[in-house]
PDB file of N, CA and C in Angstrom:
ATOM      1  N   UNK A   1     -21.522   6.992 -19.747  1.00  0.00           N
ATOM      2  CA  UNK A   1     -22.925   6.742 -19.959  1.00  0.00           C
ATOM      3  C   UNK A   1     -23.726   8.044 -19.863  1.00  0.00           C
ATOM      4  N   UNK A   2     -23.480   8.814 -18.821  1.00  0.00           N
ATOM      5  CA  UNK A   2     -24.196  10.069 -18.635  1.00  0.00           C
ATOM      6  C   UNK A   2     -23.835  11.043 -19.745  1.00  0.00           C
ATOM      7  N   UNK A   3     -22.556  11.127 -20.079  1.00  0.00           N
ATOM      8  CA  UNK A   3     -22.125  12.044 -21.139  1.00  0.00           C
ATOM      9  C   UNK A   3     -22.759  11.674 -22.476  1.00  0.00           C
ATOM     10  N   UNK A   4     -22.865  10.391 -22.763  1.00  0.00           N
ATOM     11  CA  UNK A   4     -23.493   9.958 -24.009  1.00  0.00           C
ATOM     12  C   UNK A   4     -24.965  10.341 -24.054  1.00  0.00           C
ATOM     13  N   UNK A   5     -25.654  10.208 -22.933  1.00  0.00           N
ATOM     14  CA  UNK A   5     -27.067  10.574 -22.895  1.00  0.00           C
ATOM     15  C   UNK A   5     -27.250  12.083 -23.042  1.00  0.00           C
ATOM     16  N   UNK A   6     -26.342  12.851 -22.464  1.00  0.00           N
ATOM     17  CA  UNK A   6     -26.422  14.307 -22.606  1.00  0.00           C
ATOM     18  C   UNK A   6     -26.176  14.691 -24.058  1.00  0.00           C
ATOM     19  N   UNK A   7     -25.172  14.063 -24.700  1.00  0.00           N
ATOM     20  CA  UNK A   7     -24.920  14.335 -26.115  1.00  0.00           C
ATOM     21  C   UNK A   7     -26.096  13.920 -26.980  1.00  0.00           C
ATOM     22  N   UNK A   8     -26.847  12.920 -26.522  1.00  0.00           N
ATOM     23  CA  UNK A   8     -28.020  12.459 -27.254  1.00  0.00           C
ATOM     24  C   UNK A   8     -29.228  13.371 -27.123  1.00  0.00           C
ATOM     25  N   UNK A   9     -29.122  14.413 -26.284  1.00  0.00           N
ATOM     26  CA  UNK A   9     -30.197  15.381 -26.178  1.00  0.00           C
ATOM     27  C   UNK A   9     -30.999  15.317 -24.894  1.00  0.00           C
ATOM     28  N   UNK A  10     -30.660  14.413 -24.001  1.00  0.00           N
ATOM     29  CA  UNK A  10     -31.376  14.303 -22.737  1.00  0.00           C
ATOM     30  C   UNK A  10     -30.915  15.404 -21.789  1.00  0.00           C
ATOM     31  N   UNK A  11     -31.817  15.894 -20.972  1.00  0.00           N
ATOM     32  CA  UNK A  11     -31.459  16.918 -19.991  1.00  0.00           C
ATOM     33  C   UNK A  11     -30.397  16.360 -19.043  1.00  0.00           C
ATOM     34  N   UNK A  12     -29.397  17.154 -18.680  1.00  0.00           N
ATOM     35  CA  UNK A  12     -28.299  16.641 -17.851  1.00  0.00           C
ATOM     36  C   UNK A  12     -28.749  16.040 -16.523  1.00  0.00           C
ATOM     37  N   UNK A  13     -29.675  16.682 -15.851  1.00  0.00           N
ATOM     38  CA  UNK A  13     -30.138  16.154 -14.560  1.00  0.00           C
ATOM     39  C   UNK A  13     -30.816  14.800 -14.759  1.00  0.00           C
ATOM     40  N   UNK A  14     -31.633  14.689 -15.795  1.00  0.00           N
ATOM     41  CA  UNK A  14     -32.309  13.428 -16.086  1.00  0.00           C
ATOM     42  C   UNK A  14     -31.311  12.356 -16.507  1.00  0.00           C
ATOM     43  N   UNK A  15     -30.242  12.757 -17.204  1.00  0.00           N
ATOM     44  CA  UNK A  15     -29.215  11.800 -17.609  1.00  0.00           C
ATOM     45  C   UNK A  15     -28.498  11.218 -16.386  1.00  0.00           C
ATOM     46  N   UNK A  16     -28.256  12.051 -15.377  1.00  0.00           N
ATOM     47  CA  UNK A  16     -27.628  11.560 -14.147  1.00  0.00           C
ATOM     48  C   UNK A  16     -28.552  10.569 -13.448  1.00  0.00           C
ATOM     49  N   UNK A  17     -29.835  10.903 -13.369  1.00  0.00           N
ATOM     50  CA  UNK A  17     -30.794   9.990 -12.735  1.00  0.00           C
ATOM     51  C   UNK A  17     -30.892   8.666 -13.495  1.00  0.00           C
ATOM     52  N   UNK A  18     -30.986   8.750 -14.808  1.00  0.00           N
ATOM     53  CA  UNK A  18     -31.089   7.533 -15.613  1.00  0.00           C
ATOM     54  C   UNK A  18     -29.830   6.678 -15.498  1.00  0.00           C
ATOM     55  N   UNK A  19     -28.671   7.320 -15.474  1.00  0.00           N
ATOM     56  CA  UNK A  19     -27.421   6.584 -15.325  1.00  0.00           C
ATOM     57  C   UNK A  19     -27.332   5.881 -13.978  1.00  0.00           C
ATOM     58  N   UNK A  20     -27.797   6.562 -12.937  1.00  0.00           N
ATOM     59  CA  UNK A  20     -27.773   5.958 -11.598  1.00  0.00           C
ATOM     60  C   UNK A  20     -28.717   4.772 -11.514  1.00  0.00           C
ATOM     61  N   UNK A  21     -29.889   4.919 -12.099  1.00  0.00           N
ATOM     62  CA  UNK A  21     -30.863   3.824 -12.085  1.00  0.00           C
ATOM     63  C   UNK A  21     -30.343   2.641 -12.907  1.00  0.00           C
ATOM     64  N   UNK A  22     -29.672   2.928 -14.020  1.00  0.00           N
ATOM     65  CA  UNK A  22     -29.136   1.843 -14.855  1.00  0.00           C
ATOM     66  C   UNK A  22     -28.035   1.073 -14.130  1.00  0.00           C
ATOM     67  N   UNK A  23     -27.264   1.765 -13.281  1.00  0.00           N
ATOM     68  CA  UNK A  23     -26.185   1.092 -12.542  1.00  0.00           C
ATOM     69  C   UNK A  23     -26.688   0.404 -11.286  1.00  0.00           C
ATOM     70  N   UNK A  24     -27.892   0.705 -10.853  1.00  0.00           N
ATOM     71  CA  UNK A  24     -28.399   0.200  -9.588  1.00  0.00           C
ATOM     72  C   UNK A  24     -28.410  -1.325  -9.527  1.00  0.00           C
ATOM     73  N   UNK A  25     -29.007  -1.963 -10.494  1.00  0.00           N
ATOM     74  CA  UNK A  25     -29.159  -3.424 -10.452  1.00  0.00           C
ATOM     75  C   UNK A  25     -27.822  -4.166 -10.506  1.00  0.00           C
ATOM     76  N   UNK A  26     -26.932  -3.872 -11.472  1.00  0.00           N
ATOM     77  CA  UNK A  26     -25.686  -4.635 -11.511  1.00  0.00           C
ATOM     78  C   UNK A  26     -24.819  -4.443 -10.272  1.00  0.00           C
ATOM     79  N   UNK A  27     -24.717  -3.202  -9.787  1.00  0.00           N
ATOM     80  CA  UNK A  27     -23.881  -2.945  -8.613  1.00  0.00           C
ATOM     81  C   UNK A  27     -24.480  -3.612  -7.383  1.00  0.00           C
ATOM     82  N   UNK A  28     -25.789  -3.523  -7.237  1.00  0.00           N
ATOM     83  CA  UNK A  28     -26.450  -4.133  -6.093  1.00  0.00           C
ATOM     84  C   UNK A  28     -26.332  -5.655  -6.122  1.00  0.00           C
ATOM     85  N   UNK A  29     -26.473  -6.260  -7.298  1.00  0.00           N
ATOM     86  CA  UNK A  29     -26.378  -7.724  -7.389  1.00  0.00           C
ATOM     87  C   UNK A  29     -24.974  -8.208  -7.048  1.00  0.00           C
ATOM     88  N   UNK A  30     -23.952  -7.497  -7.503  1.00  0.00           N
ATOM     89  CA  UNK A  30     -22.580  -7.894  -7.173  1.00  0.00           C
ATOM     90  C   UNK A  30     -22.351  -7.776  -5.677  1.00  0.00           C
ATOM     91  N   UNK A  31     -22.786  -6.679  -5.080  1.00  0.00           N
ATOM     92  CA  UNK A  31     -22.585  -6.471  -3.648  1.00  0.00           C
ATOM     93  C   UNK A  31     -23.324  -7.530  -2.826  1.00  0.00           C
ATOM     94  N   UNK A  32     -24.565  -7.788  -3.179  1.00  0.00           N
ATOM     95  CA  UNK A  32     -25.367  -8.752  -2.401  1.00  0.00           C
ATOM     96  C   UNK A  32     -24.790 -10.163  -2.507  1.00  0.00           C
ATOM     97  N   UNK A  33     -24.442 -10.586  -3.712  1.00  0.00           N
ATOM     98  CA  UNK A  33     -23.925 -11.947  -3.852  1.00  0.00           C
ATOM     99  C   UNK A  33     -22.583 -12.118  -3.141  1.00  0.00           C
ATOM    100  N   UNK A  34     -21.749 -11.095  -3.184  1.00  0.00           N
ATOM    101  CA  UNK A  34     -20.469 -11.195  -2.485  1.00  0.00           C
ATOM    102  C   UNK A  34     -20.659 -11.211  -0.979  1.00  0.00           C
ATOM    103  N   UNK A  35     -21.558 -10.378  -0.478  1.00  0.00           N
ATOM    104  CA  UNK A  35     -21.824 -10.363   0.966  1.00  0.00           C
ATOM    105  C   UNK A  35     -22.412 -11.707   1.405  1.00  0.00           C
ATOM    106  N   UNK A  36     -23.322 -12.249   0.634  1.00  0.00           N
ATOM    107  CA  UNK A  36     -23.887 -13.549   0.981  1.00  0.00           C
ATOM    108  C   UNK A  36     -22.828 -14.647   0.969  1.00  0.00           C
ATOM    109  N   UNK A  37     -21.886 -14.556   0.041  1.00  0.00           N
ATOM    110  CA  UNK A  37     -20.801 -15.526   0.008  1.00  0.00           C
ATOM    111  C   UNK A  37     -19.858 -15.378   1.192  1.00  0.00           C
ATOM    112  N   UNK A  38     -19.698 -14.177   1.700  1.00  0.00           N
ATOM    113  CA  UNK A  38     -18.806 -13.927   2.831  1.00  0.00           C
ATOM    114  C   UNK A  38     -19.419 -14.332   4.171  1.00  0.00           C
ATOM    115  N   UNK A  39     -20.717 -14.513   4.218  1.00  0.00           N
ATOM    116  CA  UNK A  39     -21.377 -14.870   5.480  1.00  0.00           C
ATOM    117  C   UNK A  39     -20.836 -16.192   6.026  1.00  0.00           C
ATOM    118  N   UNK A  40     -20.531 -17.122   5.130  1.00  0.00           N
ATOM    119  CA  UNK A  40     -20.000 -18.410   5.600  1.00  0.00           C
ATOM    120  C   UNK A  40     -18.627 -18.254   6.254  1.00  0.00           C
ATOM    121  N   UNK A  41     -17.871 -17.238   5.854  1.00  0.00           N
ATOM    122  CA  UNK A  41     -16.549 -17.016   6.439  1.00  0.00           C
ATOM    123  C   UNK A  41     -16.629 -16.408   7.839  1.00  0.00           C
ATOM    124  N   UNK A  42     -17.777 -15.878   8.214  1.00  0.00           N
ATOM    125  CA  UNK A  42     -17.918 -15.289   9.550  1.00  0.00           C
ATOM    126  C   UNK A  42     -17.813 -16.336  10.656  1.00  0.00           C
ATOM    127  N   UNK A  43     -18.051 -17.584  10.326  1.00  0.00           N
ATOM    128  CA  UNK A  43     -17.995 -18.650  11.333  1.00  0.00           C
ATOM    129  C   UNK A  43     -16.559 -19.059  11.668  1.00  0.00           C
ATOM    130  N   UNK A  44     -15.644 -18.789  10.775  1.00  0.00           N
ATOM    131  CA  UNK A  44     -14.243 -19.157  10.989  1.00  0.00           C
ATOM    132  C   UNK A  44     -13.509 -17.990  11.642  1.00  0.00           C
ATOM    133  N   UNK A  45     -12.832 -18.241  12.738  1.00  0.00           N
ATOM    134  CA  UNK A  45     -12.144 -17.183  13.482  1.00  0.00           C
ATOM    135  C   UNK A  45     -11.018 -16.549  12.660  1.00  0.00           C
ATOM    136  N   UNK A  46     -10.381 -17.339  11.808  1.00  0.00           N
ATOM    137  CA  UNK A  46      -9.263 -16.837  11.021  1.00  0.00           C
ATOM    138  C   UNK A  46      -9.719 -15.882   9.920  1.00  0.00           C
ATOM    139  N   UNK A  47     -10.853 -16.177   9.286  1.00  0.00           N
ATOM    140  CA  UNK A  47     -11.331 -15.387   8.157  1.00  0.00           C
ATOM    141  C   UNK A  47     -12.412 -14.367   8.521  1.00  0.00           C
ATOM    142  N   UNK A  48     -12.869 -14.350   9.750  1.00  0.00           N
ATOM    143  CA  UNK A  48     -13.986 -13.476  10.129  1.00  0.00           C
ATOM    144  C   UNK A  48     -13.659 -12.003   9.916  1.00  0.00           C
ATOM    145  N   UNK A  49     -12.482 -11.581  10.326  1.00  0.00           N
ATOM    146  CA  UNK A  49     -12.141 -10.159  10.178  1.00  0.00           C
ATOM    147  C   UNK A  49     -12.031  -9.764   8.709  1.00  0.00           C
ATOM    148  N   UNK A  50     -11.501 -10.651   7.874  1.00  0.00           N
ATOM    149  CA  UNK A  50     -11.419 -10.375   6.450  1.00  0.00           C
ATOM    150  C   UNK A  50     -12.815 -10.271   5.846  1.00  0.00           C
ATOM    151  N   UNK A  51     -13.709 -11.168   6.243  1.00  0.00           N
ATOM    152  CA  UNK A  51     -15.070 -11.158   5.715  1.00  0.00           C
ATOM    153  C   UNK A  51     -15.792  -9.874   6.093  1.00  0.00           C
ATOM    154  N   UNK A  52     -15.628  -9.444   7.338  1.00  0.00           N
ATOM    155  CA  UNK A  52     -16.279  -8.202   7.780  1.00  0.00           C
ATOM    156  C   UNK A  52     -15.722  -7.008   7.013  1.00  0.00           C
ATOM    157  N   UNK A  53     -14.403  -6.976   6.818  1.00  0.00           N
ATOM    158  CA  UNK A  53     -13.787  -5.873   6.076  1.00  0.00           C
ATOM    159  C   UNK A  53     -14.292  -5.832   4.635  1.00  0.00           C
ATOM    160  N   UNK A  54     -14.407  -6.983   4.000  1.00  0.00           N
ATOM    161  CA  UNK A  54     -14.914  -7.025   2.631  1.00  0.00           C
ATOM    162  C   UNK A  54     -16.374  -6.592   2.555  1.00  0.00           C
ATOM    163  N   UNK A  55     -17.179  -7.031   3.503  1.00  0.00           N
ATOM    164  CA  UNK A  55     -18.600  -6.660   3.498  1.00  0.00           C
ATOM    165  C   UNK A  55     -18.787  -5.155   3.648  1.00  0.00           C
ATOM    166  N   UNK A  56     -18.099  -4.564   4.611  1.00  0.00           N
ATOM    167  CA  UNK A  56     -18.252  -3.126   4.809  1.00  0.00           C
ATOM    168  C   UNK A  56     -17.589  -2.331   3.686  1.00  0.00           C
ATOM    169  N   UNK A  57     -16.532  -2.880   3.104  1.00  0.00           N
ATOM    170  CA  UNK A  57     -15.924  -2.232   1.945  1.00  0.00           C
ATOM    171  C   UNK A  57     -16.873  -2.198   0.765  1.00  0.00           C
ATOM    172  N   UNK A  58     -17.584  -3.291   0.547  1.00  0.00           N
ATOM    173  CA  UNK A  58     -18.573  -3.319  -0.538  1.00  0.00           C
ATOM    174  C   UNK A  58     -19.735  -2.371  -0.260  1.00  0.00           C
ATOM    175  N   UNK A  59     -20.160  -2.299   0.974  1.00  0.00           N
ATOM    176  CA  UNK A  59     -21.224  -1.367   1.334  1.00  0.00           C
ATOM    177  C   UNK A  59     -20.779   0.077   1.084  1.00  0.00           C
ATOM    178  N   UNK A  60     -19.561   0.386   1.480  1.00  0.00           N
ATOM    179  CA  UNK A  60     -19.026   1.730   1.271  1.00  0.00           C
ATOM    180  C   UNK A  60     -18.902   2.042  -0.221  1.00  0.00           C
ATOM    181  N   UNK A  61     -18.401   1.076  -1.009  1.00  0.00           N
ATOM    182  CA  UNK A  61     -18.272   1.273  -2.449  1.00  0.00           C
ATOM    183  C   UNK A  61     -19.640   1.443  -3.108  1.00  0.00           C
ATOM    184  N   UNK A  62     -20.633   0.722  -2.604  1.00  0.00           N
ATOM    185  CA  UNK A  62     -21.984   0.853  -3.143  1.00  0.00           C
ATOM    186  C   UNK A  62     -22.524   2.260  -2.900  1.00  0.00           C
ATOM    187  N   UNK A  63     -22.340   2.768  -1.694  1.00  0.00           N
ATOM    188  CA  UNK A  63     -22.804   4.127  -1.373  1.00  0.00           C
ATOM    189  C   UNK A  63     -22.070   5.147  -2.234  1.00  0.00           C
ATOM    190  N   UNK A  64     -20.767   4.977  -2.407  1.00  0.00           N
ATOM    191  CA  UNK A  64     -20.012   5.891  -3.260  1.00  0.00           C
ATOM    192  C   UNK A  64     -20.519   5.868  -4.698  1.00  0.00           C
ATOM    193  N   UNK A  65     -20.741   4.674  -5.218  1.00  0.00           N
ATOM    194  CA  UNK A  65     -21.162   4.532  -6.604  1.00  0.00           C
ATOM    195  C   UNK A  65     -22.556   5.094  -6.850  1.00  0.00           C
ATOM    196  N   UNK A  66     -23.470   4.849  -5.927  1.00  0.00           N
ATOM    197  CA  UNK A  66     -24.857   5.218  -6.167  1.00  0.00           C
ATOM    198  C   UNK A  66     -25.217   6.628  -5.704  1.00  0.00           C
ATOM    199  N   UNK A  67     -24.489   7.186  -4.762  1.00  0.00           N
ATOM    200  CA  UNK A  67     -24.858   8.498  -4.229  1.00  0.00           C
ATOM    201  C   UNK A  67     -23.777   9.546  -4.475  1.00  0.00           C
ATOM    202  N   UNK A  68     -22.571   9.264  -4.047  1.00  0.00           N
ATOM    203  CA  UNK A  68     -21.521  10.282  -4.081  1.00  0.00           C
ATOM    204  C   UNK A  68     -21.089  10.623  -5.507  1.00  0.00           C
ATOM    205  N   UNK A  69     -20.872   9.637  -6.349  1.00  0.00           N
ATOM    206  CA  UNK A  69     -20.403   9.893  -7.710  1.00  0.00           C
ATOM    207  C   UNK A  69     -21.410  10.725  -8.513  1.00  0.00           C
ATOM    208  N   UNK A  70     -22.712  10.395  -8.526  1.00  0.00           N
ATOM    209  CA  UNK A  70     -23.644  11.260  -9.254  1.00  0.00           C
ATOM    210  C   UNK A  70     -23.725  12.686  -8.693  1.00  0.00           C
ATOM    211  N   UNK A  71     -23.646  12.813  -7.379  1.00  0.00           N
ATOM    212  CA  UNK A  71     -23.693  14.149  -6.774  1.00  0.00           C
ATOM    213  C   UNK A  71     -22.454  14.949  -7.176  1.00  0.00           C
ATOM    214  N   UNK A  72     -21.286  14.335  -7.115  1.00  0.00           N
ATOM    215  CA  UNK A  72     -20.066  15.033  -7.520  1.00  0.00           C
ATOM    216  C   UNK A  72     -20.094  15.395  -9.004  1.00  0.00           C
ATOM    217  N   UNK A  73     -20.644  14.528  -9.828  1.00  0.00           N
ATOM    218  CA  UNK A  73     -20.781  14.821 -11.263  1.00  0.00           C
ATOM    219  C   UNK A  73     -21.636  16.064 -11.457  1.00  0.00           C
ATOM    220  N   UNK A  74     -22.744  16.125 -10.734  1.00  0.00           N
ATOM    221  CA  UNK A  74     -23.634  17.285 -10.846  1.00  0.00           C
ATOM    222  C   UNK A  74     -22.956  18.552 -10.335  1.00  0.00           C
ATOM    223  N   UNK A  75     -22.164  18.438  -9.281  1.00  0.00           N
ATOM    224  CA  UNK A  75     -21.484  19.619  -8.736  1.00  0.00           C
ATOM    225  C   UNK A  75     -20.387  20.089  -9.678  1.00  0.00           C
ATOM    226  N   UNK A  76     -19.532  19.185 -10.139  1.00  0.00           N
ATOM    227  CA  UNK A  76     -18.402  19.579 -10.977  1.00  0.00           C
ATOM    228  C   UNK A  76     -18.840  20.157 -12.320  1.00  0.00           C
ATOM    229  N   UNK A  77     -19.899  19.610 -12.896  1.00  0.00           N
ATOM    230  CA  UNK A  77     -20.361  20.081 -14.188  1.00  0.00           C
ATOM    231  C   UNK A  77     -21.492  21.108 -14.064  1.00  0.00           C
ATOM    232  N   UNK A  78     -21.752  21.550 -12.827  1.00  0.00           N
ATOM    233  CA  UNK A  78     -22.743  22.598 -12.539  1.00  0.00           C
ATOM    234  C   UNK A  78     -24.090  22.296 -13.193  1.00  0.00           C
ATOM    235  N   UNK A  79     -24.599  21.101 -12.897  1.00  0.00           N
ATOM    236  CA  UNK A  79     -25.878  20.667 -13.454  1.00  0.00           C
ATOM    237  C   UNK A  79     -26.976  21.038 -12.474  1.00  0.00           C
ATOM    238  N   UNK A  80     -27.964  21.760 -12.981  1.00  0.00           N
ATOM    239  CA  UNK A  80     -29.072  22.225 -12.170  1.00  0.00           C
ATOM    240  C   UNK A  80     -30.250  21.274 -12.325  1.00  0.00           C
ATOM    241  N   UNK A  81     -31.059  21.184 -11.259  1.00  0.00           N
ATOM    242  CA  UNK A  81     -32.228  20.307 -11.304  1.00  0.00           C
ATOM    243  C   UNK A  81     -33.300  20.858 -12.243  1.00  0.00           C
ATOM    244  N   UNK A  82     -33.318  22.158 -12.412  1.00  0.00           N
ATOM    245  CA  UNK A  82     -34.304  22.805 -13.262  1.00  0.00           C
ATOM    246  C   UNK A  82     -33.981  22.525 -14.729  1.00  0.00           C
ATOM    247  N   UNK A  83     -34.831  21.772 -15.429  1.00  0.00           N
ATOM    248  CA  UNK A  83     -34.521  21.429 -16.818  1.00  0.00           C
ATOM    249  C   UNK A  83     -34.489  22.630 -17.752  1.00  0.00           C
ATOM    250  N   UNK A  84     -35.279  23.649 -17.459  1.00  0.00           N
ATOM    251  CA  UNK A  84     -35.281  24.829 -18.325  1.00  0.00           C
ATOM    252  C   UNK A  84     -33.937  25.541 -18.253  1.00  0.00           C
ATOM    253  N   UNK A  85     -33.396  25.671 -17.054  1.00  0.00           N
ATOM    254  CA  UNK A  85     -32.091  26.304 -16.884  1.00  0.00           C
ATOM    255  C   UNK A  85     -30.996  25.451 -17.511  1.00  0.00           C
ATOM    256  N   UNK A  86     -31.116  24.154 -17.371  1.00  0.00           N
ATOM    257  CA  UNK A  86     -30.121  23.257 -17.948  1.00  0.00           C
ATOM    258  C   UNK A  86     -30.165  23.320 -19.464  1.00  0.00           C
ATOM    259  N   UNK A  87     -31.368  23.373 -20.036  1.00  0.00           N
ATOM    260  CA  UNK A  87     -31.505  23.452 -21.490  1.00  0.00           C
ATOM    261  C   UNK A  87     -30.930  24.762 -22.006  1.00  0.00           C
ATOM    262  N   UNK A  88     -31.204  25.878 -21.315  1.00  0.00           N
ATOM    263  CA  UNK A  88     -30.682  27.172 -21.718  1.00  0.00           C
ATOM    264  C   UNK A  88     -29.160  27.164 -21.650  1.00  0.00           C
ATOM    265  N   UNK A  89     -28.609  26.595 -20.591  1.00  0.00           N
ATOM    266  CA  UNK A  89     -27.158  26.501 -20.433  1.00  0.00           C
ATOM    267  C   UNK A  89     -26.560  25.645 -21.545  1.00  0.00           C
ATOM    268  N   UNK A  90     -27.221  24.536 -21.872  1.00  0.00           N
ATOM    269  CA  UNK A  90     -26.745  23.647 -22.927  1.00  0.00           C
ATOM    270  C   UNK A  90     -26.780  24.365 -24.276  1.00  0.00           C
ATOM    271  N   UNK A  91     -27.843  25.102 -24.556  1.00  0.00           N
ATOM    272  CA  UNK A  91     -27.951  25.831 -25.816  1.00  0.00           C
ATOM    273  C   UNK A  91     -26.889  26.918 -25.898  1.00  0.00           C
ATOM    274  N   UNK A  92     -26.626  27.597 -24.772  1.00  0.00           N
ATOM    275  CA  UNK A  92     -25.604  28.635 -24.752  1.00  0.00           C
ATOM    276  C   UNK A  92     -24.236  28.035 -25.038  1.00  0.00           C
ATOM    277  N   UNK A  93     -23.962  26.878 -24.476  1.00  0.00           N
ATOM    278  CA  UNK A  93     -22.676  26.217 -24.693  1.00  0.00           C
ATOM    279  C   UNK A  93     -22.522  25.816 -26.154  1.00  0.00           C
ATOM    280  N   UNK A  94     -23.580  25.324 -26.779  1.00  0.00           N
ATOM    281  CA  UNK A  94     -23.534  24.931 -28.182  1.00  0.00           C
ATOM    282  C   UNK A  94     -23.294  26.151 -29.067  1.00  0.00           C
ATOM    283  N   UNK A  95     -23.983  27.227 -28.746  1.00  0.00           N
ATOM    284  CA  UNK A  95     -23.816  28.458 -29.527  1.00  0.00           C
ATOM    285  C   UNK A  95     -22.381  28.991 -29.431  1.00  0.00           C
ATOM    286  N   UNK A  96     -21.795  28.942 -28.244  1.00  0.00           N
ATOM    287  CA  UNK A  96     -20.427  29.430 -28.072  1.00  0.00           C
ATOM    288  C   UNK A  96     -19.433  28.538 -28.821  1.00  0.00           C
ATOM    289  N   UNK A  97     -19.715  27.224 -28.870  1.00  0.00           N
ATOM    290  CA  UNK A  97     -18.843  26.330 -29.625  1.00  0.00           C
ATOM    291  C   UNK A  97     -18.937  26.613 -31.114  1.00  0.00           C
ATOM    292  N   UNK A  98     -20.123  26.916 -31.606  1.00  0.00           N
ATOM    293  CA  UNK A  98     -20.298  27.229 -33.026  1.00  0.00           C
ATOM    294  C   UNK A  98     -19.600  28.525 -33.385  1.00  0.00           C
ATOM    295  N   UNK A  99     -19.639  29.497 -32.463  1.00  0.00           N
ATOM    296  CA  UNK A  99     -18.993  30.775 -32.720  1.00  0.00           C
ATOM    297  C   UNK A  99     -17.480  30.625 -32.786  1.00  0.00           C
ATOM    298  N   UNK A 100     -16.920  29.692 -32.003  1.00  0.00           N
ATOM    299  CA  UNK A 100     -15.481  29.467 -32.016  1.00  0.00           C
ATOM    300  C   UNK A 100     -15.016  28.889 -33.338  1.00  0.00           C
ATOM    301  N   UNK A 101     -15.885  28.128 -34.003  1.00  0.00           N
ATOM    302  CA  UNK A 101     -15.514  27.520 -35.276  1.00  0.00           C
ATOM    303  C   UNK A 101     -15.568  28.562 -36.345  1.00  0.00           C
TER     304      UNK A 101
END
């Protein structure tokens, strides 16, 4: 999703933000509905530990999806918050690709 937006001409930093915002609702809805469904299992002694593990696992996965993955994407692809620097870097990369052809 982020790569497609960058190819479409959007600044890389803005593409990461837009991608994160687009994933926010679906990921949050899945996590919330699953956690709410697991609440009933907390009353049963046999399933309580499984329910707690699933709830915290979903919370951890949510944090990874919404915070860690976009940050790692920005670090690995050396995306700067400054759009002018990002645009210059993007133009330089395009020029170098054209020269290779």
